[in-house]
Amino acid sequence: MALNLVKDYGIIGICSTYQSNLNQNAFVKDLNIKDIDKALKIVDLDASIKDKVVKDLTLSEQFKVELATKLHDKTIIIGNLSNTLNYKTQEYMKKLFIKLNSDYNKNIIVIDNDIQVFFDLVKRIYVIFDRIVVYETSDFFDKELFKWVRIPKIIDFINYVNTNQPILQKTTDINELIKDIYRSVT
């Protein structure tokens, strides 16, 4: 189902839980990773990680190894960025996903329960419950979306300030929000 949805948008976000299928007891070098040295470099891992067992890796390293196993797939399904990666690594992965989509025509499906991960990445958000799409939108400020997922603080703040009249522009970028606050005060 999700594979059909991603063809229209290239990169989509799915609000749901994600379960990794990475073999926790295998050595990284024994996983099915094509051109392993290049793949590890792409996902920002050192080649020395090849001699480690997956379960001994940090969550961030496990995420990157799982991504490395999927780099040659036409459609890459990955998830739990908010639970496994720090902000800097999330931003790196977002840039990587955009590059994979635009330069290599890869379809990317990002599954996470925190829609803040989707900012500046996805073109469409789907909420899936019991394997059924219960809601979809392209607007991060869609009030209906927040019946299904937790509202990010930046959106909540902008909605609060704009309660009586529109003062701030709708943005998901904190720097743009700060500039807008400065402009509205002066």
Protein backbone atom coordinates (compact mmCIF):
# COMPACT_ATOMS: atom_id res chain seq x y z
CA MET A 1 0.00 0.00 0.00
CA ALA A 2 2.66 2.53 1.07
CA LEU A 3 4.72 1.62 -2.00
CA ASN A 4 1.93 2.89 -4.25
CA LEU A 5 1.66 6.14 -2.26
CA VAL A 6 5.37 6.98 -2.48
CA LYS A 7 5.49 6.85 -6.29
CA ASP A 8 3.55 10.12 -6.54
CA TYR A 9 5.63 12.08 -4.02
CA GLY A 10 9.13 10.53 -3.86
CA ILE A 11 9.52 10.97 -0.11
CA ILE A 12 6.58 10.42 2.24
CA GLY A 13 6.16 10.34 5.99
CA ILE A 14 4.06 7.73 7.72
CA CYS A 15 2.89 8.32 11.26
CA SER A 16 3.06 4.87 12.75
CA THR A 17 5.41 2.57 14.63
CA TYR A 18 8.41 1.04 12.88
CA GLN A 19 9.99 -2.30 13.65
CA SER A 20 13.51 -2.95 12.41
CA ASN A 21 14.21 -6.35 10.88
CA LEU A 22 18.00 -6.13 11.26
CA ASN A 23 19.61 -9.36 12.49
CA GLN A 24 20.92 -8.34 15.92
CA ASN A 25 23.28 -11.32 16.23
CA ALA A 26 25.10 -10.89 12.91
CA PHE A 27 28.39 -9.17 12.30
CA VAL A 28 28.00 -6.05 10.18
CA LYS A 29 30.32 -7.53 7.52
CA ASP A 30 27.98 -10.53 7.20
CA LEU A 31 24.89 -8.45 6.45
CA ASN A 32 23.66 -8.11 2.88
CA ILE A 33 25.30 -4.76 2.11
CA LYS A 34 26.40 -4.20 -1.47
CA ASP A 35 29.76 -2.43 -1.78
CA ILE A 36 30.00 -2.28 2.02
CA ASP A 37 32.85 0.25 2.31
CA LYS A 38 31.10 2.77 0.08
CA ALA A 39 27.73 2.17 1.77
CA LEU A 40 29.19 2.72 5.24
CA LYS A 41 30.81 5.94 4.07
CA ILE A 42 27.50 7.18 2.62
CA VAL A 43 25.69 6.61 5.93
CA ASP A 44 28.55 8.28 7.84
CA LEU A 45 30.07 5.21 9.50
CA ASP A 46 33.71 4.21 9.84
CA ALA A 47 34.78 0.97 8.07
CA SER A 48 36.01 -0.46 11.40
CA ILE A 49 32.37 -1.11 12.33
CA LYS A 50 32.34 -4.11 9.96
CA ASP A 51 33.90 -6.32 12.66
CA LYS A 52 31.24 -5.57 15.27
CA VAL A 53 28.05 -7.44 16.12
CA VAL A 54 24.88 -5.45 15.41
CA LYS A 55 23.50 -5.76 18.95
CA ASP A 56 26.72 -4.19 20.32
CA LEU A 57 26.23 -1.03 18.27
CA THR A 58 24.55 2.14 19.49
CA LEU A 59 21.00 2.80 18.30
CA SER A 60 22.33 5.45 15.93
CA GLU A 61 24.86 3.02 14.45
CA GLN A 62 22.19 0.33 14.11
CA PHE A 63 19.98 2.80 12.24
CA LYS A 64 22.83 3.66 9.87
CA VAL A 65 23.75 0.00 9.29
CA GLU A 66 20.11 -0.80 8.52
CA LEU A 67 20.04 2.09 6.04
CA ALA A 68 23.26 0.80 4.45
CA THR A 69 21.54 -2.56 3.82
CA LYS A 70 18.79 -0.74 1.90
CA LEU A 71 20.76 1.75 -0.20
CA HIS A 72 20.51 -0.37 -3.37
CA ASP A 73 16.73 -0.86 -3.04
CA LYS A 74 14.42 1.14 -5.31
CA THR A 75 12.23 1.97 -2.31
CA ILE A 76 13.91 2.59 1.04
CA ILE A 77 11.73 2.10 4.10
CA ILE A 78 13.31 3.38 7.30
CA GLY A 79 12.01 4.56 10.63
CA ASN A 80 12.41 5.71 14.21
CA LEU A 81 14.64 8.69 13.43
CA SER A 82 13.29 10.56 16.45
CA ASN A 83 14.14 7.73 18.86
CA THR A 84 17.55 6.75 17.49
CA LEU A 85 19.26 9.83 16.06
CA ASN A 86 20.31 13.16 17.53
CA TYR A 87 19.33 16.39 15.76
CA LYS A 88 22.56 16.77 13.79
CA THR A 89 22.39 13.18 12.50
CA GLN A 90 18.69 13.58 11.65
CA GLU A 91 19.54 16.62 9.52
CA TYR A 92 22.34 14.69 7.77
CA MET A 93 19.94 11.81 7.05
CA LYS A 94 17.32 14.20 5.69
CA LYS A 95 19.87 15.64 3.25
CA LEU A 96 20.92 12.12 2.30
CA PHE A 97 17.30 11.07 1.67
CA ILE A 98 16.68 14.13 -0.49
CA LYS A 99 19.85 13.42 -2.48
CA LEU A 100 18.93 9.74 -2.90
CA ASN A 101 15.50 10.78 -4.14
CA SER A 102 16.55 13.57 -6.49
CA ASP A 103 19.84 12.19 -7.86
CA TYR A 104 19.22 8.43 -7.78
CA ASN A 105 15.41 8.27 -8.12
CA LYS A 106 15.00 6.35 -4.87
CA ASN A 107 11.61 6.37 -3.22
CA ILE A 108 11.87 7.01 0.52
CA ILE A 109 9.31 6.07 3.15
CA VAL A 110 10.06 7.46 6.60
CA ILE A 111 8.04 5.95 9.45
CA ASP A 112 7.96 7.77 12.77
CA ASN A 113 5.53 8.81 15.51
CA ASP A 114 7.05 12.30 15.76
CA ILE A 115 6.09 14.43 12.76
CA GLN A 116 8.84 16.91 13.56
CA VAL A 117 11.16 14.43 11.81
CA PHE A 118 9.23 15.06 8.60
CA PHE A 119 9.92 18.84 8.56
CA ASP A 120 11.85 19.88 5.44
CA LEU A 121 11.79 16.31 4.16
CA VAL A 122 8.45 14.79 3.19
CA LYS A 123 5.95 16.01 0.65
CA ARG A 124 3.02 14.07 2.09
CA ILE A 125 2.12 12.74 5.54
CA TYR A 126 0.02 9.62 6.06
CA VAL A 127 -1.39 8.37 9.35
CA ILE A 128 -1.72 4.61 9.41
CA PHE A 129 -3.67 2.72 12.04
CA ASP A 130 -4.12 -1.07 11.84
CA ARG A 131 -2.54 -1.05 8.35
CA ILE A 132 -5.18 1.36 7.04
CA VAL A 133 -4.54 4.95 5.96
CA VAL A 134 -6.84 6.89 8.28
CA TYR A 135 -5.64 10.36 7.36
CA GLU A 136 -3.36 12.12 4.88
CA THR A 137 -2.22 15.70 4.39
CA SER A 138 0.54 17.88 2.98
CA ASP A 139 0.01 20.60 5.62
CA PHE A 140 1.93 20.42 8.90
CA PHE A 141 -0.56 22.93 10.34
CA ASP A 142 -3.60 20.76 9.54
CA LYS A 143 -5.60 20.63 12.78
CA GLU A 144 -7.12 17.28 11.82
CA LEU A 145 -3.62 15.75 11.76
CA PHE A 146 -3.22 16.46 15.47
CA LYS A 147 -6.13 14.22 16.33
CA TRP A 148 -3.76 11.38 15.43
CA VAL A 149 -0.29 12.64 16.41
CA ARG A 150 1.22 14.94 19.01
CA ILE A 151 1.51 18.57 17.92
CA PRO A 152 5.11 19.82 17.64
CA LYS A 153 5.96 22.72 19.96
CA ILE A 154 6.76 25.15 17.13
CA ILE A 155 3.36 24.60 15.52
CA ASP A 156 1.59 24.78 18.87
CA PHE A 157 3.34 28.10 19.61
CA ILE A 158 2.46 29.64 16.24
CA ASN A 159 -1.17 28.49 16.56
CA TYR A 160 -1.34 29.97 20.08
CA VAL A 161 0.08 33.35 18.99
CA ASN A 162 -2.26 33.43 15.97
CA THR A 163 -5.38 32.55 18.01
CA ASN A 164 -7.13 35.90 17.68
CA GLN A 165 -5.45 37.25 14.57
CA PRO A 166 -2.66 36.10 12.25
CA ILE A 167 0.59 37.60 13.52
CA LEU A 168 3.18 34.96 12.69
CA GLN A 169 3.67 33.12 9.42
CA LYS A 170 3.23 29.37 9.42
CA THR A 171 6.71 27.88 9.41
CA THR A 172 8.45 24.77 10.70
CA ASP A 173 11.88 26.43 10.69
CA ILE A 174 12.88 27.88 14.08
CA ASN A 175 15.16 30.48 12.47
CA GLU A 176 12.34 31.76 10.28
CA LEU A 177 10.07 31.90 13.33
CA ILE A 178 12.60 34.02 15.23
CA LYS A 179 12.94 36.41 12.28
CA ASP A 180 9.14 36.65 12.01
CA ILE A 181 8.82 37.41 15.74
CA TYR A 182 11.45 40.12 15.41
CA ARG A 183 9.66 41.63 12.38
CA SER A 184 6.28 41.61 14.12
CA VAL A 185 7.63 43.34 17.24
CA THR A 186 9.47 46.14 15.42
